[in-house]
Amino acid sequence: MNRLEREKVTVTAMVHLWCRDHHGDRSLCAECRSLLDYSQERLSRCPFGDAKPTCKECPVHCYQSSR
């Protein structure tokens, strides 16, 4: 599994945990589904591809600050 695939799996797990713990949903609510879709799209468009650094270390900030 390459880095981007691994990050997608990690983000998916994190969003599911957040939604379950904060919204009580076993499946994703609409708000969390939207966030997950947004994050997956951002990762898919990463200009660094598999050489992507961690977001904290990245010179390009792909995510909106509100997300």
N, C-alpha and C. Protein backbone atom coordinates (compact mmCIF):
# COMPACT_ATOMS: atom_id res chain seq x y z
N MET A 1 0.86 -1.18 0.00
CA MET A 1 0.00 0.00 0.00
C MET A 1 0.90 1.24 0.00
N ASN A 2 0.66 2.16 -0.93
CA ASN A 2 1.49 3.35 -0.98
C ASN A 2 1.03 4.39 0.05
N ARG A 3 1.79 5.44 0.19
CA ARG A 3 1.54 6.44 1.22
C ARG A 3 0.16 7.08 1.10
N LEU A 4 -0.25 7.47 -0.11
CA LEU A 4 -1.55 8.11 -0.28
C LEU A 4 -2.69 7.16 0.08
N GLU A 5 -2.58 5.92 -0.32
CA GLU A 5 -3.61 4.93 0.04
C GLU A 5 -3.68 4.77 1.55
N ARG A 6 -2.52 4.69 2.19
CA ARG A 6 -2.47 4.55 3.64
C ARG A 6 -3.09 5.77 4.33
N GLU A 7 -2.82 6.96 3.82
CA GLU A 7 -3.41 8.16 4.41
C GLU A 7 -4.92 8.19 4.22
N LYS A 8 -5.41 7.72 3.08
CA LYS A 8 -6.85 7.67 2.86
C LYS A 8 -7.52 6.72 3.86
N VAL A 9 -6.88 5.58 4.10
CA VAL A 9 -7.42 4.62 5.07
C VAL A 9 -7.42 5.23 6.47
N THR A 10 -6.34 5.92 6.81
CA THR A 10 -6.23 6.54 8.14
C THR A 10 -7.28 7.63 8.33
N VAL A 11 -7.43 8.51 7.33
CA VAL A 11 -8.42 9.59 7.43
C VAL A 11 -9.83 9.01 7.52
N THR A 12 -10.11 7.97 6.76
CA THR A 12 -11.43 7.33 6.82
C THR A 12 -11.71 6.82 8.22
N ALA A 13 -10.74 6.15 8.81
CA ALA A 13 -10.92 5.62 10.18
C ALA A 13 -11.13 6.76 11.17
N MET A 14 -10.36 7.83 11.03
CA MET A 14 -10.47 8.96 11.96
C MET A 14 -11.85 9.62 11.86
N VAL A 15 -12.34 9.81 10.65
CA VAL A 15 -13.65 10.45 10.48
C VAL A 15 -14.75 9.55 11.03
N HIS A 16 -14.66 8.25 10.82
CA HIS A 16 -15.65 7.32 11.36
C HIS A 16 -15.65 7.36 12.89
N LEU A 17 -14.47 7.37 13.50
CA LEU A 17 -14.38 7.44 14.96
C LEU A 17 -14.96 8.75 15.48
N TRP A 18 -14.63 9.86 14.84
CA TRP A 18 -15.14 11.17 15.25
C TRP A 18 -16.66 11.20 15.19
N CYS A 19 -17.20 10.74 14.08
CA CYS A 19 -18.65 10.77 13.90
C CYS A 19 -19.34 9.90 14.95
N ARG A 20 -18.82 8.72 15.16
CA ARG A 20 -19.42 7.83 16.16
C ARG A 20 -19.37 8.46 17.55
N ASP A 21 -18.22 9.04 17.91
CA ASP A 21 -18.06 9.59 19.26
C ASP A 21 -18.78 10.92 19.47
N HIS A 22 -18.93 11.73 18.42
CA HIS A 22 -19.53 13.05 18.58
C HIS A 22 -20.96 13.15 18.07
N HIS A 23 -21.31 12.30 17.13
CA HIS A 23 -22.66 12.37 16.57
C HIS A 23 -23.46 11.11 16.84
N GLY A 24 -22.83 10.10 17.39
CA GLY A 24 -23.52 8.87 17.76
C GLY A 24 -23.95 8.01 16.59
N ASP A 25 -23.39 8.27 15.42
CA ASP A 25 -23.80 7.52 14.23
C ASP A 25 -22.86 6.35 13.97
N ARG A 26 -23.43 5.17 13.74
CA ARG A 26 -22.61 4.03 13.36
C ARG A 26 -22.14 4.18 11.92
N SER A 27 -23.01 4.73 11.09
CA SER A 27 -22.59 5.09 9.74
C SER A 27 -22.37 6.61 9.77
N LEU A 28 -21.79 7.14 8.75
CA LEU A 28 -21.47 8.57 8.75
C LEU A 28 -22.70 9.43 8.54
N CYS A 29 -22.79 10.52 9.32
CA CYS A 29 -23.83 11.50 9.10
C CYS A 29 -23.45 12.31 7.85
N ALA A 30 -24.36 13.14 7.40
CA ALA A 30 -24.12 13.92 6.18
C ALA A 30 -22.92 14.86 6.33
N GLU A 31 -22.78 15.48 7.49
CA GLU A 31 -21.67 16.41 7.72
C GLU A 31 -20.32 15.69 7.65
N CYS A 32 -20.24 14.54 8.30
CA CYS A 32 -18.98 13.78 8.30
C CYS A 32 -18.71 13.14 6.95
N ARG A 33 -19.75 12.72 6.25
CA ARG A 33 -19.60 12.16 4.90
C ARG A 33 -19.01 13.24 3.98
N SER A 34 -19.50 14.46 4.12
CA SER A 34 -18.98 15.57 3.32
C SER A 34 -17.51 15.82 3.61
N LEU A 35 -17.14 15.80 4.88
CA LEU A 35 -15.74 15.99 5.26
C LEU A 35 -14.87 14.87 4.71
N LEU A 36 -15.34 13.64 4.80
CA LEU A 36 -14.57 12.51 4.28
C LEU A 36 -14.40 12.61 2.77
N ASP A 37 -15.47 12.94 2.06
CA ASP A 37 -15.38 13.10 0.61
C ASP A 37 -14.38 14.20 0.25
N TYR A 38 -14.43 15.31 0.97
CA TYR A 38 -13.52 16.43 0.74
C TYR A 38 -12.07 15.99 0.97
N SER A 39 -11.81 15.31 2.06
CA SER A 39 -10.43 14.90 2.37
C SER A 39 -9.91 13.88 1.35
N GLN A 40 -10.76 12.98 0.90
CA GLN A 40 -10.34 11.99 -0.10
C GLN A 40 -10.00 12.69 -1.42
N GLU A 41 -10.80 13.67 -1.78
CA GLU A 41 -10.54 14.43 -3.00
C GLU A 41 -9.23 15.20 -2.90
N ARG A 42 -8.97 15.82 -1.77
CA ARG A 42 -7.73 16.56 -1.57
C ARG A 42 -6.53 15.63 -1.67
N LEU A 43 -6.62 14.47 -1.05
CA LEU A 43 -5.51 13.51 -1.13
C LEU A 43 -5.31 13.02 -2.56
N SER A 44 -6.39 12.80 -3.28
CA SER A 44 -6.29 12.34 -4.67
C SER A 44 -5.61 13.36 -5.56
N ARG A 45 -5.72 14.63 -5.22
CA ARG A 45 -5.14 15.70 -6.04
C ARG A 45 -3.79 16.18 -5.52
N CYS A 46 -3.21 15.50 -4.56
CA CYS A 46 -1.94 15.93 -3.99
C CYS A 46 -0.88 16.01 -5.08
N PRO A 47 -0.24 17.19 -5.24
CA PRO A 47 0.76 17.35 -6.29
C PRO A 47 2.04 16.53 -6.05
N PHE A 48 2.23 16.04 -4.84
CA PHE A 48 3.44 15.29 -4.52
C PHE A 48 3.27 13.79 -4.73
N GLY A 49 2.05 13.35 -4.94
CA GLY A 49 1.80 11.92 -5.15
C GLY A 49 2.31 11.09 -3.98
N ASP A 50 2.95 9.98 -4.28
CA ASP A 50 3.41 9.08 -3.23
C ASP A 50 4.59 9.66 -2.45
N ALA A 51 5.19 10.73 -2.95
CA ALA A 51 6.30 11.39 -2.23
C ALA A 51 5.75 12.45 -1.28
N LYS A 52 4.46 12.44 -1.04
CA LYS A 52 3.79 13.42 -0.20
C LYS A 52 4.39 13.43 1.21
N PRO A 53 4.74 14.62 1.69
CA PRO A 53 5.17 14.72 3.09
C PRO A 53 3.93 14.72 3.99
N THR A 54 4.12 14.67 5.28
CA THR A 54 2.97 14.82 6.17
C THR A 54 2.40 16.21 5.97
N CYS A 55 1.12 16.38 6.22
CA CYS A 55 0.49 17.69 6.00
C CYS A 55 1.18 18.78 6.81
N LYS A 56 1.58 18.44 8.02
CA LYS A 56 2.25 19.41 8.88
C LYS A 56 3.54 19.93 8.25
N GLU A 57 4.24 19.08 7.52
CA GLU A 57 5.53 19.41 6.91
C GLU A 57 5.41 19.93 5.47
N CYS A 58 4.22 19.90 4.92
CA CYS A 58 4.02 20.21 3.51
C CYS A 58 4.03 21.71 3.23
N PRO A 59 4.69 22.13 2.14
CA PRO A 59 4.71 23.55 1.78
C PRO A 59 3.40 24.00 1.13
N VAL A 60 2.58 23.05 0.67
CA VAL A 60 1.30 23.35 0.04
C VAL A 60 0.19 22.99 1.02
N HIS A 61 -0.68 23.92 1.31
CA HIS A 61 -1.78 23.64 2.25
C HIS A 61 -3.05 23.44 1.45
N CYS A 62 -3.43 22.20 1.26
CA CYS A 62 -4.54 21.81 0.39
C CYS A 62 -5.90 21.99 1.02
N TYR A 63 -5.95 21.92 2.34
CA TYR A 63 -7.24 21.93 3.03
C TYR A 63 -7.66 23.35 3.42
N GLN A 64 -8.93 23.62 3.33
CA GLN A 64 -9.46 24.89 3.80
C GLN A 64 -9.25 24.94 5.31
N SER A 65 -8.93 26.10 5.84
CA SER A 65 -8.67 26.21 7.28
C SER A 65 -9.87 25.81 8.13
N SER A 66 -11.07 25.98 7.60
CA SER A 66 -12.28 25.62 8.35
C SER A 66 -12.46 24.11 8.46
N ARG A 67 -11.73 23.36 7.65
CA ARG A 67 -11.85 21.90 7.69
C ARG A 67 -10.64 21.31 8.33
